[in-house]
ModelCIF file with pLDDT and N, C-alpha, C, O atoms, coordinates in Angstrom:
data_MODEL
#
_entry.id   MODEL 
#
_entity.id                         1 
_entity.type                       polymer 
_entity.pdbx_number_of_molecules   1 
#
_entity_poly.entity_id                      1 
_entity_poly.type                           'polypeptide(L)' 
_entity_poly.nstd_linkage                   no 
_entity_poly.nstd_monomer                   no 
_entity_poly.pdbx_seq_one_letter_code       
;(UNK)(UNK)(UNK)(UNK)(UNK)(UNK)(UNK)(UNK)(UNK)(UNK)(UNK)(UNK)(UNK)(UNK)(UNK)(UNK)
(UNK)(UNK)(UNK)(UNK)(UNK)(UNK)(UNK)(UNK)(UNK)(UNK)(UNK)(UNK)(UNK)(UNK)(UNK)(UNK)
(UNK)
;
_entity_poly.pdbx_seq_one_letter_code_can   XXXXXXXXXXXXXXXXXXXXXXXXXXXXXXXXX 
_entity_poly.pdbx_strand_id                 A 
#
loop_
_entity_poly_seq.entity_id 
_entity_poly_seq.num 
_entity_poly_seq.mon_id 
_entity_poly_seq.hetero 
1 1  UNK n 
1 2  UNK n 
1 3  UNK n 
1 4  UNK n 
1 5  UNK n 
1 6  UNK n 
1 7  UNK n 
1 8  UNK n 
1 9  UNK n 
1 10 UNK n 
1 11 UNK n 
1 12 UNK n 
1 13 UNK n 
1 14 UNK n 
1 15 UNK n 
1 16 UNK n 
1 17 UNK n 
1 18 UNK n 
1 19 UNK n 
1 20 UNK n 
1 21 UNK n 
1 22 UNK n 
1 23 UNK n 
1 24 UNK n 
1 25 UNK n 
1 26 UNK n 
1 27 UNK n 
1 28 UNK n 
1 29 UNK n 
1 30 UNK n 
1 31 UNK n 
1 32 UNK n 
1 33 UNK n 
#
_struct_asym.id          A 
_struct_asym.entity_id   1 
#
loop_
_ma_qa_metric.id 
_ma_qa_metric.mode 
_ma_qa_metric.name 
_ma_qa_metric.software_group_id 
_ma_qa_metric.type 
1 global pLDDT . pLDDT 
2 local  pLDDT . pLDDT 
#
_ma_qa_metric_global.metric_id      1 
_ma_qa_metric_global.metric_value   95.64 
_ma_qa_metric_global.model_id       1 
_ma_qa_metric_global.ordinal_id     1 
#
loop_
_ma_qa_metric_local.label_asym_id 
_ma_qa_metric_local.label_comp_id 
_ma_qa_metric_local.label_seq_id 
_ma_qa_metric_local.metric_id 
_ma_qa_metric_local.metric_value 
_ma_qa_metric_local.model_id 
_ma_qa_metric_local.ordinal_id 
A UNK 1  2 98.00 1 1  
A UNK 2  2 98.00 1 2  
A UNK 3  2 97.00 1 3  
A UNK 4  2 97.00 1 4  
A UNK 5  2 96.00 1 5  
A UNK 6  2 96.00 1 6  
A UNK 7  2 92.00 1 7  
A UNK 8  2 89.00 1 8  
A UNK 9  2 89.00 1 9  
A UNK 10 2 89.00 1 10 
A UNK 11 2 89.00 1 11 
A UNK 12 2 95.00 1 12 
A UNK 13 2 95.00 1 13 
A UNK 14 2 95.00 1 14 
A UNK 15 2 96.00 1 15 
A UNK 16 2 97.00 1 16 
A UNK 17 2 96.00 1 17 
A UNK 18 2 96.00 1 18 
A UNK 19 2 97.00 1 19 
A UNK 20 2 97.00 1 20 
A UNK 21 2 97.00 1 21 
A UNK 22 2 97.00 1 22 
A UNK 23 2 97.00 1 23 
A UNK 24 2 97.00 1 24 
A UNK 25 2 97.00 1 25 
A UNK 26 2 97.00 1 26 
A UNK 27 2 96.00 1 27 
A UNK 28 2 96.00 1 28 
A UNK 29 2 97.00 1 29 
A UNK 30 2 97.00 1 30 
A UNK 31 2 98.00 1 31 
A UNK 32 2 98.00 1 32 
A UNK 33 2 98.00 1 33 
#
loop_
_atom_site.group_PDB 
_atom_site.id 
_atom_site.type_symbol 
_atom_site.label_atom_id 
_atom_site.label_alt_id 
_atom_site.label_comp_id 
_atom_site.label_asym_id 
_atom_site.label_entity_id 
_atom_site.label_seq_id 
_atom_site.pdbx_PDB_ins_code 
_atom_site.Cartn_x 
_atom_site.Cartn_y 
_atom_site.Cartn_z 
_atom_site.occupancy 
_atom_site.B_iso_or_equiv 
_atom_site.pdbx_formal_charge 
_atom_site.auth_seq_id 
_atom_site.auth_comp_id 
_atom_site.auth_asym_id 
_atom_site.auth_atom_id 
_atom_site.pdbx_PDB_model_num 
ATOM 1   N N  . UNK A 1 1  ? -90.086 16.327 -15.699 1.00 98.00 ? 1  UNK A N  1 
ATOM 2   C CA . UNK A 1 1  ? -89.783 14.670 -15.531 1.00 98.00 ? 1  UNK A CA 1 
ATOM 3   C C  . UNK A 1 1  ? -90.482 14.058 -14.459 1.00 98.00 ? 1  UNK A C  1 
ATOM 4   O O  . UNK A 1 1  ? -90.415 14.622 -13.367 1.00 98.00 ? 1  UNK A O  1 
ATOM 5   N N  . UNK A 1 2  ? -91.203 12.912 -14.573 1.00 98.00 ? 2  UNK A N  1 
ATOM 6   C CA . UNK A 1 2  ? -92.030 12.042 -13.469 1.00 98.00 ? 2  UNK A CA 1 
ATOM 7   C C  . UNK A 1 2  ? -90.786 11.146 -13.287 1.00 98.00 ? 2  UNK A C  1 
ATOM 8   O O  . UNK A 1 2  ? -90.244 10.625 -14.262 1.00 98.00 ? 2  UNK A O  1 
ATOM 9   N N  . UNK A 1 3  ? -90.281 10.950 -11.861 1.00 97.00 ? 3  UNK A N  1 
ATOM 10  C CA . UNK A 1 3  ? -89.438 10.093 -11.444 1.00 97.00 ? 3  UNK A CA 1 
ATOM 11  C C  . UNK A 1 3  ? -89.924 9.245  -10.455 1.00 97.00 ? 3  UNK A C  1 
ATOM 12  O O  . UNK A 1 3  ? -90.515 9.652  -9.455  1.00 97.00 ? 3  UNK A O  1 
ATOM 13  N N  . UNK A 1 4  ? -89.672 7.973  -10.727 1.00 97.00 ? 4  UNK A N  1 
ATOM 14  C CA . UNK A 1 4  ? -90.105 6.881  -9.715  1.00 97.00 ? 4  UNK A CA 1 
ATOM 15  C C  . UNK A 1 4  ? -88.789 6.759  -9.037  1.00 97.00 ? 4  UNK A C  1 
ATOM 16  O O  . UNK A 1 4  ? -87.802 6.168  -9.475  1.00 97.00 ? 4  UNK A O  1 
ATOM 17  N N  . UNK A 1 5  ? -88.932 7.560  -7.612  1.00 96.00 ? 5  UNK A N  1 
ATOM 18  C CA . UNK A 1 5  ? -87.991 7.770  -6.730  1.00 96.00 ? 5  UNK A CA 1 
ATOM 19  C C  . UNK A 1 5  ? -87.819 6.542  -5.905  1.00 96.00 ? 5  UNK A C  1 
ATOM 20  O O  . UNK A 1 5  ? -86.850 6.446  -5.153  1.00 96.00 ? 5  UNK A O  1 
ATOM 21  N N  . UNK A 1 6  ? -88.770 5.533  -6.015  1.00 96.00 ? 6  UNK A N  1 
ATOM 22  C CA . UNK A 1 6  ? -88.529 4.430  -5.017  1.00 96.00 ? 6  UNK A CA 1 
ATOM 23  C C  . UNK A 1 6  ? -87.813 3.287  -5.774  1.00 96.00 ? 6  UNK A C  1 
ATOM 24  O O  . UNK A 1 6  ? -87.306 2.358  -5.144  1.00 96.00 ? 6  UNK A O  1 
ATOM 25  N N  . UNK A 1 7  ? -87.763 3.364  -7.351  1.00 92.00 ? 7  UNK A N  1 
ATOM 26  C CA . UNK A 1 7  ? -87.276 2.312  -7.863  1.00 92.00 ? 7  UNK A CA 1 
ATOM 27  C C  . UNK A 1 7  ? -85.697 2.129  -7.935  1.00 92.00 ? 7  UNK A C  1 
ATOM 28  O O  . UNK A 1 7  ? -84.961 3.072  -8.227  1.00 92.00 ? 7  UNK A O  1 
ATOM 29  N N  . UNK A 1 8  ? -85.262 0.948  -7.671  1.00 89.00 ? 8  UNK A N  1 
ATOM 30  C CA . UNK A 1 8  ? -83.860 0.655  -7.883  1.00 89.00 ? 8  UNK A CA 1 
ATOM 31  C C  . UNK A 1 8  ? -83.227 0.187  -6.383  1.00 89.00 ? 8  UNK A C  1 
ATOM 32  O O  . UNK A 1 8  ? -83.760 0.468  -5.310  1.00 89.00 ? 8  UNK A O  1 
ATOM 33  N N  . UNK A 1 9  ? -82.162 -0.471 -6.517  1.00 89.00 ? 9  UNK A N  1 
ATOM 34  C CA . UNK A 1 9  ? -81.520 -0.965 -5.418  1.00 89.00 ? 9  UNK A CA 1 
ATOM 35  C C  . UNK A 1 9  ? -80.926 0.165  -4.292  1.00 89.00 ? 9  UNK A C  1 
ATOM 36  O O  . UNK A 1 9  ? -80.781 -0.058 -3.090  1.00 89.00 ? 9  UNK A O  1 
ATOM 37  N N  . UNK A 1 10 ? -80.657 1.290  -4.920  1.00 89.00 ? 10 UNK A N  1 
ATOM 38  C CA . UNK A 1 10 ? -80.008 2.265  -4.017  1.00 89.00 ? 10 UNK A CA 1 
ATOM 39  C C  . UNK A 1 10 ? -80.987 3.535  -3.993  1.00 89.00 ? 10 UNK A C  1 
ATOM 40  O O  . UNK A 1 10 ? -80.551 4.676  -3.834  1.00 89.00 ? 10 UNK A O  1 
ATOM 41  N N  . UNK A 1 11 ? -82.584 3.191  -4.192  1.00 89.00 ? 11 UNK A N  1 
ATOM 42  C CA . UNK A 1 11 ? -83.330 4.377  -3.959  1.00 89.00 ? 11 UNK A CA 1 
ATOM 43  C C  . UNK A 1 11 ? -83.790 4.291  -2.633  1.00 89.00 ? 11 UNK A C  1 
ATOM 44  O O  . UNK A 1 11 ? -83.760 3.286  -1.923  1.00 89.00 ? 11 UNK A O  1 
ATOM 45  N N  . UNK A 1 12 ? -84.322 5.684  -2.272  1.00 95.00 ? 12 UNK A N  1 
ATOM 46  C CA . UNK A 1 12 ? -84.301 6.772  -3.049  1.00 95.00 ? 12 UNK A CA 1 
ATOM 47  C C  . UNK A 1 12 ? -83.068 7.665  -2.973  1.00 95.00 ? 12 UNK A C  1 
ATOM 48  O O  . UNK A 1 12 ? -82.935 8.689  -3.644  1.00 95.00 ? 12 UNK A O  1 
ATOM 49  N N  . UNK A 1 13 ? -82.188 7.200  -2.111  1.00 95.00 ? 13 UNK A N  1 
ATOM 50  C CA . UNK A 1 13 ? -80.771 8.182  -2.288  1.00 95.00 ? 13 UNK A CA 1 
ATOM 51  C C  . UNK A 1 13 ? -80.066 8.451  -3.428  1.00 95.00 ? 13 UNK A C  1 
ATOM 52  O O  . UNK A 1 13 ? -79.826 9.628  -3.698  1.00 95.00 ? 13 UNK A O  1 
ATOM 53  N N  . UNK A 1 14 ? -79.708 7.613  -4.114  1.00 95.00 ? 14 UNK A N  1 
ATOM 54  C CA . UNK A 1 14 ? -78.927 7.875  -5.356  1.00 95.00 ? 14 UNK A CA 1 
ATOM 55  C C  . UNK A 1 14 ? -79.954 8.413  -6.474  1.00 95.00 ? 14 UNK A C  1 
ATOM 56  O O  . UNK A 1 14 ? -79.423 8.971  -7.434  1.00 95.00 ? 14 UNK A O  1 
ATOM 57  N N  . UNK A 1 15 ? -81.231 8.324  -6.472  1.00 96.00 ? 15 UNK A N  1 
ATOM 58  C CA . UNK A 1 15 ? -81.999 8.849  -7.318  1.00 96.00 ? 15 UNK A CA 1 
ATOM 59  C C  . UNK A 1 15 ? -82.112 10.374 -7.039  1.00 96.00 ? 15 UNK A C  1 
ATOM 60  O O  . UNK A 1 15 ? -82.140 11.178 -7.972  1.00 96.00 ? 15 UNK A O  1 
ATOM 61  N N  . UNK A 1 16 ? -82.174 10.746 -5.773  1.00 97.00 ? 16 UNK A N  1 
ATOM 62  C CA . UNK A 1 16 ? -82.523 12.264 -5.179  1.00 97.00 ? 16 UNK A CA 1 
ATOM 63  C C  . UNK A 1 16 ? -80.888 12.827 -5.702  1.00 97.00 ? 16 UNK A C  1 
ATOM 64  O O  . UNK A 1 16 ? -80.856 13.769 -6.494  1.00 97.00 ? 16 UNK A O  1 
ATOM 65  N N  . UNK A 1 17 ? -79.888 12.353 -5.337  1.00 96.00 ? 17 UNK A N  1 
ATOM 66  C CA . UNK A 1 17 ? -78.571 12.979 -5.707  1.00 96.00 ? 17 UNK A CA 1 
ATOM 67  C C  . UNK A 1 17 ? -78.283 13.141 -7.064  1.00 96.00 ? 17 UNK A C  1 
ATOM 68  O O  . UNK A 1 17 ? -77.696 14.135 -7.491  1.00 96.00 ? 17 UNK A O  1 
ATOM 69  N N  . UNK A 1 18 ? -78.785 11.931 -7.980  1.00 96.00 ? 18 UNK A N  1 
ATOM 70  C CA . UNK A 1 18 ? -78.749 12.359 -9.517  1.00 96.00 ? 18 UNK A CA 1 
ATOM 71  C C  . UNK A 1 18 ? -79.603 13.344 -9.900  1.00 96.00 ? 18 UNK A C  1 
ATOM 72  O O  . UNK A 1 18 ? -79.245 14.178 -10.732 1.00 96.00 ? 18 UNK A O  1 
ATOM 73  N N  . UNK A 1 19 ? -80.916 13.367 -9.303  1.00 97.00 ? 19 UNK A N  1 
ATOM 74  C CA . UNK A 1 19 ? -81.864 14.469 -9.908  1.00 97.00 ? 19 UNK A CA 1 
ATOM 75  C C  . UNK A 1 19 ? -81.427 15.728 -9.556  1.00 97.00 ? 19 UNK A C  1 
ATOM 76  O O  . UNK A 1 19 ? -81.697 16.637 -10.341 1.00 97.00 ? 19 UNK A O  1 
ATOM 77  N N  . UNK A 1 20 ? -80.728 16.019 -8.417  1.00 97.00 ? 20 UNK A N  1 
ATOM 78  C CA . UNK A 1 20 ? -80.301 17.401 -7.734  1.00 97.00 ? 20 UNK A CA 1 
ATOM 79  C C  . UNK A 1 20 ? -79.172 17.600 -8.736  1.00 97.00 ? 20 UNK A C  1 
ATOM 80  O O  . UNK A 1 20 ? -79.128 18.688 -9.310  1.00 97.00 ? 20 UNK A O  1 
ATOM 81  N N  . UNK A 1 21 ? -78.345 16.769 -8.984  1.00 97.00 ? 21 UNK A N  1 
ATOM 82  C CA . UNK A 1 21 ? -77.309 17.144 -10.272 1.00 97.00 ? 21 UNK A CA 1 
ATOM 83  C C  . UNK A 1 21 ? -77.583 17.482 -11.362 1.00 97.00 ? 21 UNK A C  1 
ATOM 84  O O  . UNK A 1 21 ? -76.999 18.419 -11.906 1.00 97.00 ? 21 UNK A O  1 
ATOM 85  N N  . UNK A 1 22 ? -78.638 16.723 -11.996 1.00 97.00 ? 22 UNK A N  1 
ATOM 86  C CA . UNK A 1 22 ? -79.285 17.275 -13.285 1.00 97.00 ? 22 UNK A CA 1 
ATOM 87  C C  . UNK A 1 22 ? -79.848 18.381 -13.202 1.00 97.00 ? 22 UNK A C  1 
ATOM 88  O O  . UNK A 1 22 ? -79.749 19.154 -14.155 1.00 97.00 ? 22 UNK A O  1 
ATOM 89  N N  . UNK A 1 23 ? -80.624 18.767 -11.982 1.00 97.00 ? 23 UNK A N  1 
ATOM 90  C CA . UNK A 1 23 ? -81.274 20.114 -11.752 1.00 97.00 ? 23 UNK A CA 1 
ATOM 91  C C  . UNK A 1 23 ? -80.238 21.161 -11.800 1.00 97.00 ? 23 UNK A C  1 
ATOM 92  O O  . UNK A 1 23 ? -80.339 22.187 -12.472 1.00 97.00 ? 23 UNK A O  1 
ATOM 93  N N  . UNK A 1 24 ? -79.285 20.864 -11.089 1.00 97.00 ? 24 UNK A N  1 
ATOM 94  C CA . UNK A 1 24 ? -78.195 22.012 -11.122 1.00 97.00 ? 24 UNK A CA 1 
ATOM 95  C C  . UNK A 1 24 ? -77.502 22.428 -12.456 1.00 97.00 ? 24 UNK A C  1 
ATOM 96  O O  . UNK A 1 24 ? -77.077 23.555 -12.709 1.00 97.00 ? 24 UNK A O  1 
ATOM 97  N N  . UNK A 1 25 ? -77.457 21.332 -13.267 1.00 97.00 ? 25 UNK A N  1 
ATOM 98  C CA . UNK A 1 25 ? -76.778 21.398 -14.575 1.00 97.00 ? 25 UNK A CA 1 
ATOM 99  C C  . UNK A 1 25 ? -77.846 22.187 -15.540 1.00 97.00 ? 25 UNK A C  1 
ATOM 100 O O  . UNK A 1 25 ? -77.522 23.115 -16.282 1.00 97.00 ? 25 UNK A O  1 
ATOM 101 N N  . UNK A 1 26 ? -78.936 21.757 -15.429 1.00 97.00 ? 26 UNK A N  1 
ATOM 102 C CA . UNK A 1 26 ? -79.702 22.187 -16.656 1.00 97.00 ? 26 UNK A CA 1 
ATOM 103 C C  . UNK A 1 26 ? -81.059 22.796 -15.998 1.00 97.00 ? 26 UNK A C  1 
ATOM 104 O O  . UNK A 1 26 ? -81.942 22.219 -15.363 1.00 97.00 ? 26 UNK A O  1 
ATOM 105 N N  . UNK A 1 27 ? -80.906 24.289 -16.403 1.00 96.00 ? 27 UNK A N  1 
ATOM 106 C CA . UNK A 1 27 ? -81.904 25.238 -15.910 1.00 96.00 ? 27 UNK A CA 1 
ATOM 107 C C  . UNK A 1 27 ? -83.288 24.900 -16.468 1.00 96.00 ? 27 UNK A C  1 
ATOM 108 O O  . UNK A 1 27 ? -84.268 25.306 -15.845 1.00 96.00 ? 27 UNK A O  1 
ATOM 109 N N  . UNK A 1 28 ? -83.447 24.208 -17.564 1.00 96.00 ? 28 UNK A N  1 
ATOM 110 C CA . UNK A 1 28 ? -84.791 23.931 -18.007 1.00 96.00 ? 28 UNK A CA 1 
ATOM 111 C C  . UNK A 1 28 ? -85.281 22.648 -17.754 1.00 96.00 ? 28 UNK A C  1 
ATOM 112 O O  . UNK A 1 28 ? -86.110 22.192 -18.541 1.00 96.00 ? 28 UNK A O  1 
ATOM 113 N N  . UNK A 1 29 ? -84.930 22.009 -16.831 1.00 97.00 ? 29 UNK A N  1 
ATOM 114 C CA . UNK A 1 29 ? -85.670 20.716 -16.272 1.00 97.00 ? 29 UNK A CA 1 
ATOM 115 C C  . UNK A 1 29 ? -86.191 20.952 -14.845 1.00 97.00 ? 29 UNK A C  1 
ATOM 116 O O  . UNK A 1 29 ? -85.537 21.584 -14.014 1.00 97.00 ? 29 UNK A O  1 
ATOM 117 N N  . UNK A 1 30 ? -87.288 20.465 -14.622 1.00 97.00 ? 30 UNK A N  1 
ATOM 118 C CA . UNK A 1 30 ? -87.854 20.233 -13.262 1.00 97.00 ? 30 UNK A CA 1 
ATOM 119 C C  . UNK A 1 30 ? -88.303 18.861 -13.162 1.00 97.00 ? 30 UNK A C  1 
ATOM 120 O O  . UNK A 1 30 ? -88.533 18.110 -14.109 1.00 97.00 ? 30 UNK A O  1 
ATOM 121 N N  . UNK A 1 31 ? -88.425 18.557 -11.713 1.00 98.00 ? 31 UNK A N  1 
ATOM 122 C CA . UNK A 1 31 ? -88.614 16.972 -11.443 1.00 98.00 ? 31 UNK A CA 1 
ATOM 123 C C  . UNK A 1 31 ? -89.874 16.850 -10.589 1.00 98.00 ? 31 UNK A C  1 
ATOM 124 O O  . UNK A 1 31 ? -90.141 17.788 -9.838  1.00 98.00 ? 31 UNK A O  1 
ATOM 125 N N  . UNK A 1 32 ? -90.643 15.821 -10.631 1.00 98.00 ? 32 UNK A N  1 
ATOM 126 C CA . UNK A 1 32 ? -91.567 15.484 -9.815  1.00 98.00 ? 32 UNK A CA 1 
ATOM 127 C C  . UNK A 1 32 ? -91.306 14.155 -9.159  1.00 98.00 ? 32 UNK A C  1 
ATOM 128 O O  . UNK A 1 32 ? -91.533 13.171 -9.864  1.00 98.00 ? 32 UNK A O  1 
ATOM 129 N N  . UNK A 1 33 ? -90.850 13.942 -7.879  1.00 98.00 ? 33 UNK A N  1 
ATOM 130 C CA . UNK A 1 33 ? -90.528 12.762 -7.362  1.00 98.00 ? 33 UNK A CA 1 
ATOM 131 C C  . UNK A 1 33 ? -91.840 11.908 -6.736  1.00 98.00 ? 33 UNK A C  1 
ATOM 132 O O  . UNK A 1 33 ? -91.670 10.799 -6.229  1.00 98.00 ? 33 UNK A O  1 
#
């Protein structure tokens, strides 16, 4: 997944936290920030 890590009011903090939560939950996903 290509992630715009700078987009949003709470970026990049909330984006990074959400990505790590998804990474921990789904072993078949990887992310490019």
